[in-house]
Amino acid sequence: MTLYFSVALVLVSVAMVAVIVLQSRGAGLGGLTGGEYGGAGYHVRRGLERVLFNVTIGLSIVFFALALLSAVVGG
């Protein structure tokens, strides 16, 4: 059973890394640190950016749940 949790954790983590890299693609180095907006103004996520953001949140919740279940089942 723990083997299935381990495989699922690896798959979810790889998917999460891919989604995070897709979010930062084209943002440039300044965008990664928040320098693109200069700290002033409000940025609304639209379209694909919003979908990637929501997928990242979902994957992180699944990753956290799998890690907890793996710890409980694995003892």
N, C-alpha and C. Protein backbone atom coordinates (compact mmCIF):
# COMPACT_ATOMS: atom_id res chain seq x y z
N MET A 1 0.82 -1.20 0.00
CA MET A 1 0.00 0.00 0.00
C MET A 1 0.86 1.26 0.00
N THR A 2 1.96 1.23 0.75
CA THR A 2 2.82 2.41 0.79
C THR A 2 3.50 2.65 -0.56
N LEU A 3 3.68 1.58 -1.34
CA LEU A 3 4.26 1.74 -2.67
C LEU A 3 3.35 2.59 -3.55
N TYR A 4 2.04 2.38 -3.46
CA TYR A 4 1.09 3.16 -4.24
C TYR A 4 1.12 4.64 -3.83
N PHE A 5 1.21 4.87 -2.52
CA PHE A 5 1.29 6.26 -2.05
C PHE A 5 2.58 6.93 -2.52
N SER A 6 3.67 6.17 -2.51
CA SER A 6 4.96 6.74 -2.96
C SER A 6 4.91 7.09 -4.44
N VAL A 7 4.36 6.20 -5.24
CA VAL A 7 4.26 6.46 -6.68
C VAL A 7 3.34 7.65 -6.93
N ALA A 8 2.22 7.71 -6.20
CA ALA A 8 1.29 8.83 -6.36
C ALA A 8 1.95 10.14 -5.95
N LEU A 9 2.72 10.12 -4.88
CA LEU A 9 3.42 11.34 -4.44
C LEU A 9 4.41 11.82 -5.49
N VAL A 10 5.13 10.89 -6.10
CA VAL A 10 6.10 11.27 -7.13
C VAL A 10 5.38 11.87 -8.34
N LEU A 11 4.29 11.23 -8.76
CA LEU A 11 3.56 11.73 -9.93
C LEU A 11 2.95 13.11 -9.66
N VAL A 12 2.37 13.29 -8.48
CA VAL A 12 1.78 14.59 -8.15
C VAL A 12 2.85 15.66 -8.04
N SER A 13 3.99 15.31 -7.46
CA SER A 13 5.06 16.31 -7.32
C SER A 13 5.63 16.72 -8.68
N VAL A 14 5.78 15.77 -9.59
CA VAL A 14 6.26 16.10 -10.93
C VAL A 14 5.25 16.99 -11.65
N ALA A 15 3.97 16.66 -11.52
CA ALA A 15 2.93 17.49 -12.14
C ALA A 15 2.92 18.90 -11.54
N MET A 16 3.12 19.00 -10.23
CA MET A 16 3.12 20.31 -9.59
C MET A 16 4.32 21.14 -10.06
N VAL A 17 5.47 20.52 -10.18
CA VAL A 17 6.65 21.24 -10.68
C VAL A 17 6.40 21.73 -12.11
N ALA A 18 5.80 20.88 -12.95
CA ALA A 18 5.52 21.27 -14.33
C ALA A 18 4.56 22.45 -14.40
N VAL A 19 3.52 22.44 -13.57
CA VAL A 19 2.55 23.53 -13.58
C VAL A 19 3.18 24.83 -13.08
N ILE A 20 4.04 24.73 -12.07
CA ILE A 20 4.70 25.93 -11.55
C ILE A 20 5.66 26.50 -12.57
N VAL A 21 6.37 25.65 -13.29
CA VAL A 21 7.27 26.14 -14.33
C VAL A 21 6.49 26.79 -15.47
N LEU A 22 5.34 26.23 -15.82
CA LEU A 22 4.50 26.85 -16.85
C LEU A 22 3.99 28.22 -16.42
N GLN A 23 3.73 28.39 -15.13
CA GLN A 23 3.27 29.69 -14.64
C GLN A 23 4.35 30.75 -14.75
N SER A 24 5.58 30.38 -14.50
CA SER A 24 6.66 31.38 -14.49
C SER A 24 7.29 31.56 -15.87
N ARG A 25 6.89 30.76 -16.84
CA ARG A 25 7.44 30.88 -18.18
C ARG A 25 7.06 32.23 -18.78
N GLY A 26 8.02 32.93 -19.29
CA GLY A 26 7.76 34.22 -19.91
C GLY A 26 7.67 35.36 -18.92
N ALA A 27 7.77 35.08 -17.64
CA ALA A 27 7.66 36.14 -16.65
C ALA A 27 8.97 36.89 -16.49
N GLY A 28 10.06 36.25 -16.85
CA GLY A 28 11.36 36.88 -16.68
C GLY A 28 11.82 36.79 -15.24
N LEU A 29 13.07 37.14 -15.00
CA LEU A 29 13.62 37.05 -13.65
C LEU A 29 12.96 38.04 -12.71
N GLY A 30 12.61 39.20 -13.19
CA GLY A 30 11.93 40.18 -12.35
C GLY A 30 10.55 39.74 -11.95
N GLY A 31 9.87 39.01 -12.82
CA GLY A 31 8.54 38.53 -12.51
C GLY A 31 8.52 37.44 -11.46
N LEU A 32 9.61 36.67 -11.40
CA LEU A 32 9.68 35.61 -10.41
C LEU A 32 9.80 36.16 -8.99
N THR A 33 10.42 37.32 -8.86
CA THR A 33 10.62 37.90 -7.53
C THR A 33 9.60 38.98 -7.23
N GLY A 34 8.70 39.24 -8.13
CA GLY A 34 7.68 40.26 -7.91
C GLY A 34 8.08 41.62 -8.41
N GLY A 35 9.21 41.72 -9.07
CA GLY A 35 9.68 43.02 -9.55
C GLY A 35 8.96 43.53 -10.77
N GLU A 36 8.21 42.67 -11.41
CA GLU A 36 7.51 43.07 -12.64
C GLU A 36 6.43 44.11 -12.38
N TYR A 37 5.76 44.00 -11.26
CA TYR A 37 4.67 44.91 -10.96
C TYR A 37 5.10 46.05 -10.05
N GLY A 38 6.27 45.97 -9.50
CA GLY A 38 6.78 47.06 -8.69
C GLY A 38 6.08 47.23 -7.35
N GLY A 39 5.30 46.27 -6.94
CA GLY A 39 4.62 46.33 -5.66
C GLY A 39 3.39 47.21 -5.66
N ALA A 40 3.14 47.92 -6.73
CA ALA A 40 1.97 48.80 -6.79
C ALA A 40 1.02 48.27 -7.85
N GLY A 41 -0.23 48.26 -7.55
CA GLY A 41 -1.21 47.81 -8.51
C GLY A 41 -1.77 46.45 -8.16
N TYR A 42 -2.79 46.08 -8.87
CA TYR A 42 -3.50 44.83 -8.62
C TYR A 42 -3.51 44.03 -9.90
N HIS A 43 -3.16 42.76 -9.79
CA HIS A 43 -3.07 41.90 -10.97
C HIS A 43 -4.20 40.87 -10.92
N VAL A 44 -5.02 40.82 -11.94
CA VAL A 44 -6.12 39.86 -12.02
C VAL A 44 -5.69 38.72 -12.93
N ARG A 45 -5.85 37.50 -12.42
CA ARG A 45 -5.54 36.33 -13.23
C ARG A 45 -6.71 36.06 -14.17
N ARG A 46 -6.37 35.84 -15.44
CA ARG A 46 -7.40 35.57 -16.44
C ARG A 46 -6.97 34.40 -17.31
N GLY A 47 -7.92 33.69 -17.82
CA GLY A 47 -7.67 32.65 -18.80
C GLY A 47 -6.81 31.51 -18.27
N LEU A 48 -5.78 31.19 -19.04
CA LEU A 48 -4.90 30.08 -18.72
C LEU A 48 -4.15 30.31 -17.41
N GLU A 49 -3.81 31.56 -17.13
CA GLU A 49 -3.10 31.86 -15.89
C GLU A 49 -3.95 31.49 -14.67
N ARG A 50 -5.24 31.75 -14.76
CA ARG A 50 -6.15 31.40 -13.65
C ARG A 50 -6.28 29.89 -13.51
N VAL A 51 -6.37 29.19 -14.64
CA VAL A 51 -6.48 27.72 -14.62
C VAL A 51 -5.24 27.10 -14.01
N LEU A 52 -4.06 27.57 -14.42
CA LEU A 52 -2.82 27.04 -13.86
C LEU A 52 -2.71 27.32 -12.37
N PHE A 53 -3.17 28.48 -11.94
CA PHE A 53 -3.16 28.83 -10.53
C PHE A 53 -4.05 27.88 -9.74
N ASN A 54 -5.26 27.63 -10.24
CA ASN A 54 -6.18 26.73 -9.55
C ASN A 54 -5.68 25.29 -9.56
N VAL A 55 -5.06 24.86 -10.65
CA VAL A 55 -4.50 23.51 -10.72
C VAL A 55 -3.37 23.36 -9.71
N THR A 56 -2.55 24.40 -9.56
CA THR A 56 -1.47 24.36 -8.58
C THR A 56 -2.02 24.20 -7.17
N ILE A 57 -3.07 24.92 -6.85
CA ILE A 57 -3.69 24.80 -5.52
C ILE A 57 -4.24 23.39 -5.33
N GLY A 58 -4.92 22.87 -6.33
CA GLY A 58 -5.47 21.52 -6.24
C GLY A 58 -4.39 20.46 -6.06
N LEU A 59 -3.32 20.57 -6.84
CA LEU A 59 -2.23 19.61 -6.73
C LEU A 59 -1.53 19.69 -5.37
N SER A 60 -1.41 20.90 -4.83
CA SER A 60 -0.76 21.02 -3.52
C SER A 60 -1.63 20.40 -2.42
N ILE A 61 -2.95 20.54 -2.54
CA ILE A 61 -3.85 19.91 -1.56
C ILE A 61 -3.77 18.38 -1.67
N VAL A 62 -3.76 17.87 -2.90
CA VAL A 62 -3.64 16.43 -3.11
C VAL A 62 -2.30 15.92 -2.58
N PHE A 63 -1.23 16.66 -2.83
CA PHE A 63 0.09 16.27 -2.35
C PHE A 63 0.11 16.21 -0.83
N PHE A 64 -0.46 17.21 -0.18
CA PHE A 64 -0.49 17.25 1.28
C PHE A 64 -1.30 16.08 1.84
N ALA A 65 -2.45 15.80 1.23
CA ALA A 65 -3.28 14.69 1.69
C ALA A 65 -2.57 13.35 1.49
N LEU A 66 -1.91 13.18 0.36
CA LEU A 66 -1.17 11.94 0.12
C LEU A 66 -0.02 11.77 1.10
N ALA A 67 0.65 12.87 1.41
CA ALA A 67 1.76 12.79 2.37
C ALA A 67 1.25 12.40 3.75
N LEU A 68 0.12 12.95 4.16
CA LEU A 68 -0.45 12.59 5.46
C LEU A 68 -0.90 11.13 5.47
N LEU A 69 -1.58 10.70 4.41
CA LEU A 69 -2.03 9.32 4.34
C LEU A 69 -0.86 8.35 4.29
N SER A 70 0.19 8.72 3.61
CA SER A 70 1.37 7.87 3.54
C SER A 70 2.02 7.74 4.91
N ALA A 71 2.04 8.82 5.68
CA ALA A 71 2.61 8.79 7.02
C ALA A 71 1.76 7.94 7.96
N VAL A 72 0.44 8.04 7.83
CA VAL A 72 -0.47 7.29 8.71
C VAL A 72 -0.43 5.80 8.38
N VAL A 73 -0.49 5.48 7.09
CA VAL A 73 -0.52 4.07 6.68
C VAL A 73 0.85 3.43 6.87
N GLY A 74 1.90 4.17 6.56
CA GLY A 74 3.25 3.63 6.68
C GLY A 74 3.72 3.46 8.11
N GLY A 75 3.09 4.16 9.01
CA GLY A 75 3.40 4.03 10.44
C GLY A 75 4.58 4.82 10.78
